[in-house]
Amino acid sequence: MLTDIEIAQSTKLKPINEIASRAGIDDKYLEMYGDSKAKVKLNIFDHIKDRPKGKLLYVTAITPTPAGEGKTCTAIGLTQGLGKLDKNAMVCLREPSLGPTFGIKGGAAGGGYSQVLPMEDINLHFTGDIHAVTSAHNLLAAMIENHISKGNQLGIDPTRILWKRVMDISDRQLRNIVVGLGGKANGTPLESGFDISVASEIMAILCLARDMSNLKERLGNILVAYTYEGEPVYARQIKAVGAMAVLLKDAIMPNLVQTIEGQPAFVHGGPFANIAHGNNSIIATSMALRLADYVVTEGGFAADLGAEKFFDIVTRVSDLKPDVVVLVATVRALKFHGGAKKEDLNHENLEALEKGCANLDQHIDNLKNCFNLPVVVAINRFPTDTEAELDLVKNHCQELGVSVALSEVVAKGGQGGIELARKVLDALDHDNSFTHAYPLNISIHEKIETIAKKVYRADGVAYTRQAQRALDSIERLGYDDLPICIAKTQMSFSDDPGLKGAPRGWTLNVRDIRVSAGAGFVVVLTGNMLTMPGLPKEPAAEKIDILEDGTIIGLF
């Protein structure tokens, strides 16, 4: 059996300008990155703005497990399945971070015969967007500290600098550091630290900006510090906005690549959904909706994370609205949620599977009754799934009145996604009364509690003193009308990754709250969620190598 990278390397790529032509993109709007990648210039909007909008198909999943769910594979495979039905479809995905590429996941461009290509480039540096975010972020950090060391006209309190540094590698050693040691010539000694680049507010801004003007406005609104008198200091006061925008001038343009079956794909922006808002850029998705009749996009992790943040954050700052939601589940993951051990997942276990369906049920209920959206469940088939297990999940969904399809896109590509594509097209005829989980005109406390109780099914919310003080400060600054971005473990509905299924009788623990004023949301840190991951005991980097002829091996 071929590995993902072997399948990708055996595929003959079409020239990217041919892919662009298929999408209706003229060469004059392309900025080429070799033969297989290109950026699309934003002035194309002047050419396509009057075209009718396509349908937005949003792909999410049940709560992740070590057993695997295959959400990205399903999004790509659905696009390819629509292509098999002669539909004009595009897929919009996020850019993989080097953190998980070299850490746990080993790659994030799909799998099997459901991939976006060139797989190696997408997973490694790509067009440099994440590095641009890193540079812009760290430039601001350097300019803040330079301002302090060169007279500090704004009166910034060095102990109240909010802006740390970032890098796109998981490195727990850098979570907490001291900078400025070595005497006056080397700066002001102060505590700082690193987050991973995809958790940077600048990454969120890049993905939420509508154009360059809006990007610059948002960059200027970043809250970076407080003065000795307790007054807020913003990036615009540091006079960093222009230089940061220059570093992001290419990164703001969507990246055009192709599926393994030669369909156009945008891969742009990369915020994590557990510690950030977890969706690709508004610009890429908006552009795709004017170029294709059907646009497939996905949110990070489960429906309580990436999807909730798309519904409650992204749709509020854009004209994007989902037409159908695809909820990806696997028999293996549901058995894991039902108490089966990881080493036993290859064996039939109907009891654990039935118990684990509680996790599926809660996600379905949220999507249908909290957000009022039509749902199609995609069962991502694994070779070890038995017919009895597949029938159990199908029957369970049918009893709930939810459309369900078997997806075999990893093994069969678009051909294995035809059933799913047909079910999704049928679902477009269903009622869609999309709504948000909460209104904006309630307090931050009430918004957090609404998500905790309505989406997660917590009994309530508990705040540390630090979180309560931060919340009071944010409300005094007038940011209580912003939506909420909860940073929470992806491994559970709760803030405890060990609680599987659909836990009840628990309390959401909020340890800190931060305002991302430029991005336009309030970040709520819960449980032990970290904004700089660490590498696992056996990182994926140990298996990645390059041969003498330049062939990359071990990348998933």
Protein backbone atom coordinates (compact mmCIF):
# COMPACT_ATOMS: atom_id res chain seq x y z
CA MET A 1 0.00 0.00 0.00
CA LEU A 2 1.38 3.40 -0.98
CA THR A 3 1.85 6.09 1.65
CA ASP A 4 0.28 9.52 1.28
CA ILE A 5 3.53 11.08 0.15
CA GLU A 6 4.18 8.27 -2.34
CA ILE A 7 0.72 8.77 -3.85
CA ALA A 8 1.35 12.52 -4.04
CA GLN A 9 4.77 12.07 -5.65
CA SER A 10 3.38 9.64 -8.24
CA THR A 11 0.74 12.15 -9.39
CA LYS A 12 1.53 14.25 -12.44
CA LEU A 13 0.64 17.82 -11.58
CA LYS A 14 -1.07 20.08 -14.08
CA PRO A 15 0.52 23.50 -14.69
CA ILE A 16 -0.96 25.95 -12.21
CA ASN A 17 -2.04 28.38 -14.94
CA GLU A 18 -4.14 25.54 -16.41
CA ILE A 19 -5.77 25.08 -13.00
CA ALA A 20 -6.31 28.84 -12.82
CA SER A 21 -7.93 28.85 -16.26
CA ARG A 22 -10.27 26.08 -15.14
CA ALA A 23 -11.31 28.33 -12.25
CA GLY A 24 -11.81 31.31 -14.54
CA ILE A 25 -8.68 33.13 -13.33
CA ASP A 26 -6.77 34.98 -16.05
CA ASP A 27 -2.95 34.82 -16.02
CA LYS A 28 -2.76 38.56 -15.31
CA TYR A 29 -4.16 37.90 -11.81
CA LEU A 30 -1.50 35.29 -10.99
CA GLU A 31 1.77 35.68 -9.15
CA MET A 32 3.61 32.47 -9.93
CA TYR A 33 5.50 30.40 -7.36
CA GLY A 34 7.01 27.87 -9.74
CA ASP A 35 4.90 25.61 -11.96
CA SER A 36 2.51 24.24 -9.34
CA LYS A 37 1.65 27.14 -7.02
CA ALA A 38 0.47 30.69 -7.52
CA LYS A 39 -0.94 33.56 -5.55
CA VAL A 40 -4.06 35.27 -6.84
CA LYS A 41 -4.00 39.06 -6.79
CA LEU A 42 -6.78 40.82 -4.92
CA ASN A 43 -7.69 43.07 -7.84
CA ILE A 44 -9.48 40.06 -9.35
CA PHE A 45 -12.40 41.05 -7.12
CA ASP A 46 -13.04 44.02 -9.42
CA HIS A 47 -13.52 41.51 -12.24
CA ILE A 48 -15.66 38.91 -10.42
CA LYS A 49 -17.62 40.96 -7.85
CA ASP A 50 -20.86 40.90 -9.86
CA ARG A 51 -20.85 37.14 -10.42
CA PRO A 52 -23.45 35.11 -8.48
CA LYS A 53 -22.20 33.52 -5.26
CA GLY A 54 -21.77 29.78 -5.07
CA LYS A 55 -23.00 27.52 -2.29
CA LEU A 56 -20.79 27.19 0.81
CA LEU A 57 -20.40 23.64 2.09
CA TYR A 58 -18.81 23.58 5.56
CA VAL A 59 -16.98 20.44 6.73
CA THR A 60 -16.45 19.75 10.42
CA ALA A 61 -16.11 16.64 12.59
CA ILE A 62 -16.86 14.86 15.83
CA THR A 63 -14.44 15.29 18.73
CA PRO A 64 -10.94 14.17 17.63
CA THR A 65 -9.33 10.99 18.95
CA PRO A 66 -6.04 9.19 18.33
CA ALA A 67 -8.07 6.89 16.05
CA GLY A 68 -8.43 9.58 13.37
CA GLU A 69 -11.42 11.28 11.73
CA GLY A 70 -10.24 12.47 8.27
CA LYS A 71 -11.90 15.87 8.04
CA THR A 72 -9.46 17.39 5.54
CA CYS A 73 -9.55 14.22 3.43
CA THR A 74 -13.34 14.41 3.40
CA ALA A 75 -13.38 18.10 2.39
CA ILE A 76 -11.06 17.41 -0.53
CA GLY A 77 -12.85 14.18 -1.42
CA LEU A 78 -16.23 15.91 -1.39
CA THR A 79 -14.85 18.47 -3.83
CA GLN A 80 -13.57 15.67 -6.05
CA GLY A 81 -16.90 13.85 -5.73
CA LEU A 82 -18.74 16.96 -6.90
CA GLY A 83 -16.32 17.07 -9.81
CA LYS A 84 -17.31 13.52 -10.75
CA LEU A 85 -20.88 14.81 -10.95
CA ASP A 86 -19.71 17.55 -13.35
CA LYS A 87 -20.15 20.28 -10.76
CA ASN A 88 -17.92 23.37 -10.72
CA ALA A 89 -16.37 23.03 -7.25
CA MET A 90 -13.40 24.42 -5.32
CA VAL A 91 -11.98 23.63 -1.89
CA CYS A 92 -10.62 26.19 0.60
CA LEU A 93 -8.30 24.93 3.34
CA ARG A 94 -5.91 26.29 5.95
CA GLU A 95 -2.13 26.16 5.60
CA PRO A 96 -0.38 23.51 7.74
CA SER A 97 1.87 24.72 10.54
CA LEU A 98 5.38 23.33 10.92
CA GLY A 99 4.55 22.70 14.59
CA PRO A 100 2.25 19.69 14.03
CA THR A 101 4.02 18.74 10.78
CA PHE A 102 7.18 18.02 12.78
CA GLY A 103 5.27 17.12 15.92
CA ILE A 104 2.23 14.85 16.09
CA LYS A 105 0.43 14.92 12.75
CA GLY A 106 3.25 14.78 10.20
CA GLY A 107 1.30 16.63 7.49
CA ALA A 108 -2.09 18.21 6.82
CA ALA A 109 -2.82 18.22 3.09
CA GLY A 110 -5.30 15.34 3.08
CA GLY A 111 -4.46 11.69 2.57
CA GLY A 112 -4.55 8.77 0.18
CA TYR A 113 -6.29 9.73 -3.07
CA SER A 114 -7.88 12.78 -1.47
CA GLN A 115 -5.07 15.32 -1.24
CA VAL A 116 -4.12 18.83 -2.30
CA LEU A 117 -0.81 19.10 -4.14
CA PRO A 118 2.12 19.74 -4.13
CA MET A 119 1.83 18.02 -0.77
CA GLU A 120 5.46 18.53 0.32
CA ASP A 121 5.45 22.26 -0.43
CA ILE A 122 2.10 22.83 1.28
CA ASN A 123 3.36 21.12 4.44
CA LEU A 124 6.83 22.75 4.42
CA HIS A 125 7.14 26.56 4.13
CA PHE A 126 4.70 26.70 1.16
CA THR A 127 4.70 30.30 -0.12
CA GLY A 128 6.07 31.74 3.12
CA ASP A 129 2.79 33.09 4.51
CA ILE A 130 3.31 31.78 8.04
CA HIS A 131 6.88 33.10 8.04
CA ALA A 132 5.52 36.50 6.99
CA VAL A 133 3.12 36.42 9.94
CA THR A 134 6.01 35.45 12.22
CA SER A 135 8.17 38.32 10.94
CA ALA A 136 5.39 40.91 11.25
CA HIS A 137 4.57 39.74 14.77
CA ASN A 138 8.17 39.82 15.95
CA LEU A 139 8.82 43.19 14.30
CA LEU A 140 6.07 44.64 16.47
CA ALA A 141 7.62 43.03 19.56
CA ALA A 142 11.03 44.52 18.70
CA MET A 143 9.53 47.98 18.09
CA ILE A 144 7.69 47.95 21.42
CA GLU A 145 10.87 47.19 23.32
CA ASN A 146 12.88 49.64 21.23
CA HIS A 147 10.35 52.36 22.09
CA ILE A 148 10.88 51.68 25.79
CA SER A 149 14.68 51.69 25.55
CA LYS A 150 14.75 54.90 23.47
CA GLY A 151 12.95 57.19 25.89
CA ASN A 152 9.53 55.54 26.32
CA GLN A 153 7.51 58.60 25.33
CA LEU A 154 4.27 56.66 25.70
CA GLY A 155 5.12 55.68 29.27
CA ILE A 156 4.73 51.93 28.64
CA ASP A 157 4.96 49.85 31.80
CA PRO A 158 7.51 47.08 30.96
CA THR A 159 5.70 44.74 33.34
CA ARG A 160 2.46 45.15 31.38
CA ILE A 161 3.58 44.34 27.85
CA LEU A 162 1.00 41.98 26.35
CA TRP A 163 2.79 41.23 23.07
CA LYS A 164 5.11 38.21 23.20
CA ARG A 165 7.01 36.61 20.33
CA VAL A 166 6.11 33.72 18.04
CA MET A 167 7.75 30.97 16.00
CA ASP A 168 6.33 28.19 13.84
CA ILE A 169 7.90 25.27 15.70
CA SER A 170 6.53 23.60 18.81
CA ASP A 171 9.08 24.48 21.52
CA ARG A 172 7.97 24.24 25.14
CA GLN A 173 11.35 25.58 26.26
CA LEU A 174 10.40 29.05 25.01
CA ARG A 175 6.98 29.39 26.64
CA ASN A 176 8.40 31.60 29.39
CA ILE A 177 11.65 33.53 28.97
CA VAL A 178 13.49 36.63 30.23
CA VAL A 179 14.77 39.08 27.63
CA GLY A 180 16.96 42.18 27.74
CA LEU A 181 19.76 40.78 29.92
CA GLY A 182 23.33 42.01 29.63
CA GLY A 183 23.12 45.65 30.61
CA LYS A 184 21.43 48.83 29.39
CA ALA A 185 22.80 48.56 25.85
CA ASN A 186 20.93 45.26 25.40
CA GLY A 187 17.49 46.52 26.31
CA THR A 188 15.24 46.41 29.35
CA PRO A 189 15.10 43.14 31.32
CA LEU A 190 11.57 41.79 31.37
CA GLU A 191 9.62 38.55 31.28
CA SER A 192 8.26 37.41 27.95
CA GLY A 193 7.71 34.21 26.02
CA PHE A 194 6.79 32.59 22.71
CA ASP A 195 3.50 31.41 21.24
CA ILE A 196 3.29 29.33 18.08
CA SER A 197 2.90 31.53 14.98
CA VAL A 198 -0.54 30.23 14.06
CA ALA A 199 -1.80 31.44 17.46
CA SER A 200 -0.63 34.98 16.67
CA GLU A 201 -3.31 37.63 16.52
CA ILE A 202 -1.74 38.65 13.22
CA MET A 203 -2.63 35.25 11.76
CA ALA A 204 -6.23 35.80 12.88
CA ILE A 205 -6.18 39.30 11.39
CA LEU A 206 -4.83 37.97 8.08
CA CYS A 207 -7.70 35.49 7.92
CA LEU A 208 -10.42 37.93 8.97
CA ALA A 209 -9.33 40.94 6.90
CA ARG A 210 -11.40 41.85 3.84
CA ASP A 211 -8.63 43.72 2.00
CA MET A 212 -5.34 45.56 2.59
CA SER A 213 -7.04 48.62 4.03
CA ASN A 214 -8.98 46.51 6.52
CA LEU A 215 -5.81 44.54 7.33
CA LYS A 216 -3.97 47.75 8.24
CA GLU A 217 -6.86 49.02 10.32
CA ARG A 218 -6.93 45.77 12.27
CA LEU A 219 -3.14 45.76 12.74
CA GLY A 220 -3.35 49.25 14.19
CA ASN A 221 -6.00 48.12 16.69
CA ILE A 222 -3.80 45.45 18.29
CA LEU A 223 -3.61 46.08 22.04
CA VAL A 224 0.08 45.63 22.91
CA ALA A 225 0.62 47.05 26.40
CA TYR A 226 -0.54 49.38 29.17
CA THR A 227 1.08 52.57 30.43
CA TYR A 228 2.12 53.19 34.04
CA GLU A 229 -1.23 54.95 34.43
CA GLY A 230 -3.09 51.90 33.16
CA GLU A 231 -3.98 53.36 29.75
CA PRO A 232 -4.02 51.01 26.73
CA VAL A 233 -1.29 51.20 24.08
CA TYR A 234 -2.01 50.08 20.51
CA ALA A 235 0.21 49.01 17.62
CA ARG A 236 -0.66 52.19 15.71
CA GLN A 237 0.93 54.24 18.51
CA ILE A 238 4.16 52.27 18.07
CA LYS A 239 4.06 53.31 14.38
CA ALA A 240 4.53 49.71 13.28
CA VAL A 241 1.46 49.24 11.07
CA GLY A 242 2.96 50.23 7.70
CA ALA A 243 6.02 48.03 8.06
CA MET A 244 3.93 45.09 9.27
CA ALA A 245 1.60 45.47 6.28
CA VAL A 246 4.59 45.48 3.93
CA LEU A 247 5.71 42.15 5.37
CA LEU A 248 2.18 40.80 4.79
CA LYS A 249 1.66 42.21 1.28
CA ASP A 250 2.12 38.81 -0.39
CA ALA A 251 0.69 36.75 2.44
CA ILE A 252 -2.71 38.41 2.07
CA MET A 253 -3.12 36.92 -1.43
CA PRO A 254 -4.70 33.43 -1.52
CA ASN A 255 -2.55 30.48 -2.62
CA LEU A 256 -3.86 28.50 -5.59
CA VAL A 257 -2.97 24.80 -5.83
CA GLN A 258 -4.85 21.70 -7.02
CA THR A 259 -6.52 18.55 -5.78
CA ILE A 260 -5.06 15.21 -6.77
CA GLU A 261 -7.75 15.10 -9.49
CA GLY A 262 -6.84 18.51 -10.89
CA GLN A 263 -9.45 20.77 -9.34
CA PRO A 264 -8.59 24.28 -8.11
CA ALA A 265 -7.93 24.66 -4.40
CA PHE A 266 -7.15 27.66 -2.20
CA VAL A 267 -4.89 26.97 0.79
CA HIS A 268 -4.62 30.19 2.76
CA GLY A 269 -4.15 31.13 6.41
CA GLY A 270 -3.54 28.73 9.26
CA PRO A 271 -5.02 29.57 12.69
CA PHE A 272 -5.43 26.58 15.02
CA ALA A 273 -8.99 25.96 16.20
CA ASN A 274 -8.09 24.96 19.76
CA ILE A 275 -6.12 28.15 20.53
CA ALA A 276 -7.34 30.47 17.74
CA HIS A 277 -10.39 30.84 15.50
CA GLY A 278 -9.47 27.92 13.26
CA ASN A 279 -10.65 28.83 9.75
CA ASN A 280 -9.02 29.78 6.45
CA SER A 281 -9.14 33.35 5.17
CA ILE A 282 -12.30 35.27 4.37
CA ILE A 283 -10.55 36.57 1.25
CA ALA A 284 -9.90 33.08 -0.15
CA THR A 285 -13.39 31.77 0.56
CA SER A 286 -15.07 34.93 -0.77
CA MET A 287 -12.98 34.74 -3.92
CA ALA A 288 -13.80 31.06 -4.42
CA LEU A 289 -17.53 31.73 -4.03
CA ARG A 290 -17.37 34.06 -7.06
CA LEU A 291 -15.38 31.54 -9.09
CA ALA A 292 -17.19 28.26 -8.36
CA ASP A 293 -20.76 27.05 -7.96
CA TYR A 294 -19.83 24.99 -4.89
CA VAL A 295 -17.12 25.86 -2.37
CA VAL A 296 -16.06 23.34 0.25
CA THR A 297 -14.27 24.63 3.32
CA GLU A 298 -13.39 23.13 6.69
CA GLY A 299 -12.86 24.35 10.22
CA GLY A 300 -10.22 23.02 12.57
CA PHE A 301 -10.91 20.16 14.97
CA ALA A 302 -14.49 19.41 16.01
CA ALA A 303 -17.76 21.27 15.51
CA ASP A 304 -17.56 22.76 19.03
CA LEU A 305 -14.31 24.51 18.02
CA GLY A 306 -13.65 25.44 14.38
CA ALA A 307 -17.30 25.32 13.33
CA GLU A 308 -18.61 27.25 16.34
CA LYS A 309 -15.95 29.92 15.74
CA PHE A 310 -16.82 30.13 12.05
CA PHE A 311 -20.50 30.54 12.88
CA ASP A 312 -20.06 33.00 15.76
CA ILE A 313 -16.98 34.97 14.61
CA VAL A 314 -16.30 34.66 10.87
CA THR A 315 -19.89 35.06 9.67
CA ARG A 316 -20.21 38.25 11.72
CA VAL A 317 -17.39 40.07 9.91
CA SER A 318 -18.12 38.76 6.41
CA ASP A 319 -20.99 37.85 4.11
CA LEU A 320 -20.11 34.16 4.43
CA LYS A 321 -22.93 31.87 5.53
CA PRO A 322 -22.89 28.06 5.43
CA ASP A 323 -25.50 26.38 3.25
CA VAL A 324 -24.88 22.82 4.46
CA VAL A 325 -22.67 21.31 7.16
CA VAL A 326 -20.90 17.96 6.67
CA LEU A 327 -20.09 16.26 9.98
CA VAL A 328 -17.30 13.70 9.64
CA ALA A 329 -17.24 10.65 11.90
CA THR A 330 -15.43 7.33 11.93
CA VAL A 331 -16.41 4.02 13.47
CA ARG A 332 -12.99 3.88 15.16
CA ALA A 333 -13.35 7.29 16.79
CA LEU A 334 -16.87 6.57 18.00
CA LYS A 335 -15.72 3.29 19.56
CA PHE A 336 -12.95 5.21 21.31
CA HIS A 337 -15.51 7.67 22.66
CA GLY A 338 -17.50 4.66 23.84
CA GLY A 339 -14.64 3.39 25.97
CA ALA A 340 -12.78 1.03 23.63
CA LYS A 341 -9.00 1.07 23.98
CA LYS A 342 -6.88 2.35 21.12
CA GLU A 343 -5.22 -1.05 20.61
CA ASP A 344 -8.63 -2.73 20.28
CA LEU A 345 -10.18 -0.41 17.70
CA ASN A 346 -9.56 -2.80 14.81
CA HIS A 347 -11.98 -5.31 16.37
CA GLU A 348 -15.75 -5.12 16.09
CA ASN A 349 -17.33 -3.66 19.23
CA LEU A 350 -20.97 -2.69 18.74
CA GLU A 351 -21.49 -1.91 22.43
CA ALA A 352 -18.70 0.68 22.53
CA LEU A 353 -19.79 2.07 19.16
CA GLU A 354 -23.37 2.58 20.31
CA LYS A 355 -22.19 4.25 23.52
CA GLY A 356 -19.77 6.48 21.59
CA CYS A 357 -22.56 7.76 19.36
CA ALA A 358 -23.38 10.15 22.22
CA ASN A 359 -20.55 12.35 20.96
CA LEU A 360 -21.96 12.30 17.44
CA ASP A 361 -25.44 13.08 18.79
CA GLN A 362 -24.30 16.19 20.65
CA HIS A 363 -22.55 17.60 17.59
CA ILE A 364 -25.61 16.90 15.43
CA ASP A 365 -27.88 18.52 18.00
CA ASN A 366 -25.66 21.63 18.14
CA LEU A 367 -25.55 22.02 14.38
CA LYS A 368 -29.27 21.45 13.88
CA ASN A 369 -30.79 23.09 16.93
CA CYS A 370 -28.20 25.65 18.06
CA PHE A 371 -27.15 26.94 14.62
CA ASN A 372 -30.22 25.76 12.65
CA LEU A 373 -28.28 24.25 9.77
CA PRO A 374 -28.92 21.19 7.56
CA VAL A 375 -26.46 18.40 8.39
CA VAL A 376 -25.05 15.46 6.45
CA VAL A 377 -23.02 12.90 8.39
CA ALA A 378 -20.06 11.50 6.46
CA ILE A 379 -18.80 8.15 7.73
CA ASN A 380 -15.15 8.09 6.75
CA ARG A 381 -14.59 4.40 6.12
CA PHE A 382 -11.54 2.53 7.44
CA PRO A 383 -10.54 -0.94 6.15
CA THR A 384 -11.21 -2.49 9.59
CA ASP A 385 -14.83 -1.26 9.78
CA THR A 386 -17.32 -4.12 9.71
CA GLU A 387 -20.66 -3.99 7.90
CA ALA A 388 -22.46 -4.37 11.24
CA GLU A 389 -20.64 -1.33 12.63
CA LEU A 390 -21.31 0.78 9.55
CA ASP A 391 -24.98 -0.22 9.57
CA LEU A 392 -25.26 0.72 13.25
CA VAL A 393 -24.04 4.28 12.59
CA LYS A 394 -26.17 4.65 9.46
CA ASN A 395 -29.30 3.45 11.23
CA HIS A 396 -28.55 5.66 14.22
CA CYS A 397 -28.35 8.75 11.99
CA GLN A 398 -31.51 7.81 10.14
CA GLU A 399 -33.36 7.44 13.45
CA LEU A 400 -32.28 10.99 14.26
CA GLY A 401 -33.61 12.16 10.90
CA VAL A 402 -30.13 13.09 9.65
CA SER A 403 -28.83 12.34 6.17
CA VAL A 404 -25.80 10.04 6.19
CA ALA A 405 -23.34 8.85 3.54
CA LEU A 406 -20.43 6.44 3.44
CA SER A 407 -17.24 8.19 2.35
CA GLU A 408 -14.38 6.23 0.79
CA VAL A 409 -12.42 9.17 -0.59
CA VAL A 410 -9.06 8.17 0.91
CA ALA A 411 -9.06 4.84 -0.95
CA LYS A 412 -11.00 5.87 -4.07
CA GLY A 413 -10.66 9.64 -4.44
CA GLY A 414 -13.61 11.44 -6.02
CA GLN A 415 -15.27 8.17 -6.98
CA GLY A 416 -15.50 7.35 -3.28
CA GLY A 417 -17.12 10.72 -2.58
CA ILE A 418 -19.99 10.56 -5.05
CA GLU A 419 -22.55 9.28 -2.52
CA LEU A 420 -21.57 12.05 -0.10
CA ALA A 421 -21.68 14.67 -2.85
CA ARG A 422 -25.20 13.62 -3.84
CA LYS A 423 -26.42 13.72 -0.24
CA VAL A 424 -24.92 17.20 0.21
CA LEU A 425 -26.58 18.46 -2.99
CA ASP A 426 -29.91 17.08 -1.75
CA ALA A 427 -29.43 18.83 1.60
CA LEU A 428 -29.21 22.19 -0.16
CA ASP A 429 -32.98 21.95 -0.62
CA HIS A 430 -33.55 21.72 3.15
CA ASP A 431 -34.52 24.69 5.33
CA ASN A 432 -31.58 26.82 6.42
CA SER A 433 -32.38 29.30 9.17
CA PHE A 434 -28.80 29.88 10.23
CA THR A 435 -28.39 31.68 13.53
CA HIS A 436 -25.63 32.34 16.05
CA ALA A 437 -25.21 30.66 19.42
CA TYR A 438 -25.44 34.01 21.22
CA PRO A 439 -26.16 37.68 20.50
CA LEU A 440 -23.38 40.26 20.74
CA ASN A 441 -25.31 42.62 22.99
CA ILE A 442 -24.95 40.53 26.15
CA SER A 443 -22.00 40.60 28.56
CA ILE A 444 -18.80 38.62 28.06
CA HIS A 445 -19.77 36.54 31.11
CA GLU A 446 -23.08 35.67 29.48
CA LYS A 447 -21.48 34.81 26.14
CA ILE A 448 -18.97 32.45 27.75
CA GLU A 449 -21.70 30.83 29.82
CA THR A 450 -23.94 30.44 26.77
CA ILE A 451 -21.24 28.59 24.82
CA ALA A 452 -20.33 26.49 27.87
CA LYS A 453 -23.90 25.40 28.56
CA LYS A 454 -25.46 25.45 25.09
CA VAL A 455 -22.60 23.97 23.01
CA TYR A 456 -20.40 22.10 25.52
CA ARG A 457 -23.20 21.12 27.97
CA ALA A 458 -21.25 22.30 31.02
CA ASP A 459 -23.10 22.98 34.26
CA GLY A 460 -21.45 26.37 34.58
CA VAL A 461 -18.24 28.41 34.41
CA ALA A 462 -15.57 29.05 37.07
CA TYR A 463 -13.07 31.92 36.81
CA THR A 464 -9.65 32.33 38.39
CA ARG A 465 -8.90 35.70 39.98
CA GLN A 466 -6.59 36.47 37.05
CA ALA A 467 -9.38 35.76 34.57
CA GLN A 468 -11.88 37.90 36.47
CA ARG A 469 -9.44 40.82 36.68
CA ALA A 470 -8.71 40.52 32.96
CA LEU A 471 -12.41 40.41 32.18
CA ASP A 472 -13.07 43.54 34.24
CA SER A 473 -10.26 45.35 32.41
CA ILE A 474 -11.55 44.29 28.97
CA GLU A 475 -15.05 45.50 29.80
CA ARG A 476 -13.70 48.85 31.05
CA LEU A 477 -12.02 49.30 27.65
CA GLY A 478 -15.38 48.80 25.95
CA TYR A 479 -14.76 45.44 24.29
CA ASP A 480 -17.73 43.67 25.83
CA ASP A 481 -19.56 43.69 22.46
CA LEU A 482 -17.02 41.38 20.78
CA PRO A 483 -17.60 37.68 20.00
CA ILE A 484 -15.82 34.99 21.98
CA CYS A 485 -12.96 32.69 20.90
CA ILE A 486 -12.58 29.92 23.48
CA ALA A 487 -9.17 28.24 23.67
CA LYS A 488 -10.00 24.71 24.77
CA THR A 489 -8.68 21.20 24.35
CA GLN A 490 -9.78 19.63 21.08
CA MET A 491 -9.95 16.17 22.65
CA SER A 492 -13.19 16.65 24.57
CA PHE A 493 -16.36 18.70 24.76
CA SER A 494 -15.06 19.63 28.21
CA ASP A 495 -11.81 21.35 29.21
CA ASP A 496 -10.45 17.97 30.35
CA PRO A 497 -9.00 15.96 27.42
CA GLY A 498 -9.63 12.74 29.34
CA LEU A 499 -13.43 13.10 29.28
CA LYS A 500 -14.72 11.35 26.17
CA GLY A 501 -18.16 10.99 24.65
CA ALA A 502 -20.62 13.65 25.77
CA PRO A 503 -19.64 14.45 29.36
CA ARG A 504 -22.12 15.90 31.84
CA GLY A 505 -21.79 17.30 35.36
CA TRP A 506 -18.64 19.37 34.79
CA THR A 507 -17.61 23.02 35.03
CA LEU A 508 -15.67 25.02 32.42
CA ASN A 509 -12.56 26.46 34.11
CA VAL A 510 -11.42 29.83 32.75
CA ARG A 511 -7.87 30.69 33.80
CA ASP A 512 -7.27 33.85 31.74
CA ILE A 513 -8.97 36.16 29.24
CA ARG A 514 -7.30 38.30 26.59
CA VAL A 515 -8.67 40.74 24.06
CA SER A 516 -7.56 40.44 20.43
CA ALA A 517 -8.81 43.91 19.55
CA GLY A 518 -7.32 43.82 16.05
CA ALA A 519 -8.83 40.46 15.20
CA GLY A 520 -12.05 41.56 16.85
CA PHE A 521 -12.69 38.87 19.45
CA VAL A 522 -12.05 38.00 23.08
CA VAL A 523 -9.84 34.96 23.73
CA VAL A 524 -10.88 32.80 26.68
CA LEU A 525 -8.15 30.43 27.91
CA THR A 526 -9.60 27.35 29.62
CA GLY A 527 -8.22 24.33 31.44
CA ASN A 528 -4.57 23.67 30.68
CA MET A 529 -4.70 24.90 27.08
CA LEU A 530 -1.30 26.21 25.93
CA THR A 531 -0.59 28.70 23.15
CA MET A 532 2.84 27.12 22.52
CA PRO A 533 2.58 23.33 22.06
CA GLY A 534 5.44 20.96 22.83
CA LEU A 535 6.82 18.06 20.81
CA PRO A 536 5.66 14.51 21.66
CA LYS A 537 7.99 11.76 22.88
CA GLU A 538 8.52 10.59 19.30
CA PRO A 539 8.05 13.64 17.07
CA ALA A 540 7.19 13.16 13.42
CA ALA A 541 10.41 15.04 12.61
CA GLU A 542 12.38 11.89 13.48
CA LYS A 543 10.95 10.13 10.41
CA ILE A 544 11.26 12.96 7.89
CA ASP A 545 14.30 13.02 5.59
CA ILE A 546 15.44 13.97 2.10
CA LEU A 547 17.25 11.68 -0.34
CA GLU A 548 20.17 12.54 -2.60
CA ASP A 549 17.84 13.15 -5.55
CA GLY A 550 15.77 15.61 -3.52
CA THR A 551 12.88 13.23 -2.77
CA ILE A 552 11.31 13.89 0.62
CA ILE A 553 10.34 10.85 2.67
CA GLY A 554 8.47 10.28 5.94
CA LEU A 555 6.12 13.24 5.57
CA PHE A 556 2.95 11.38 6.61
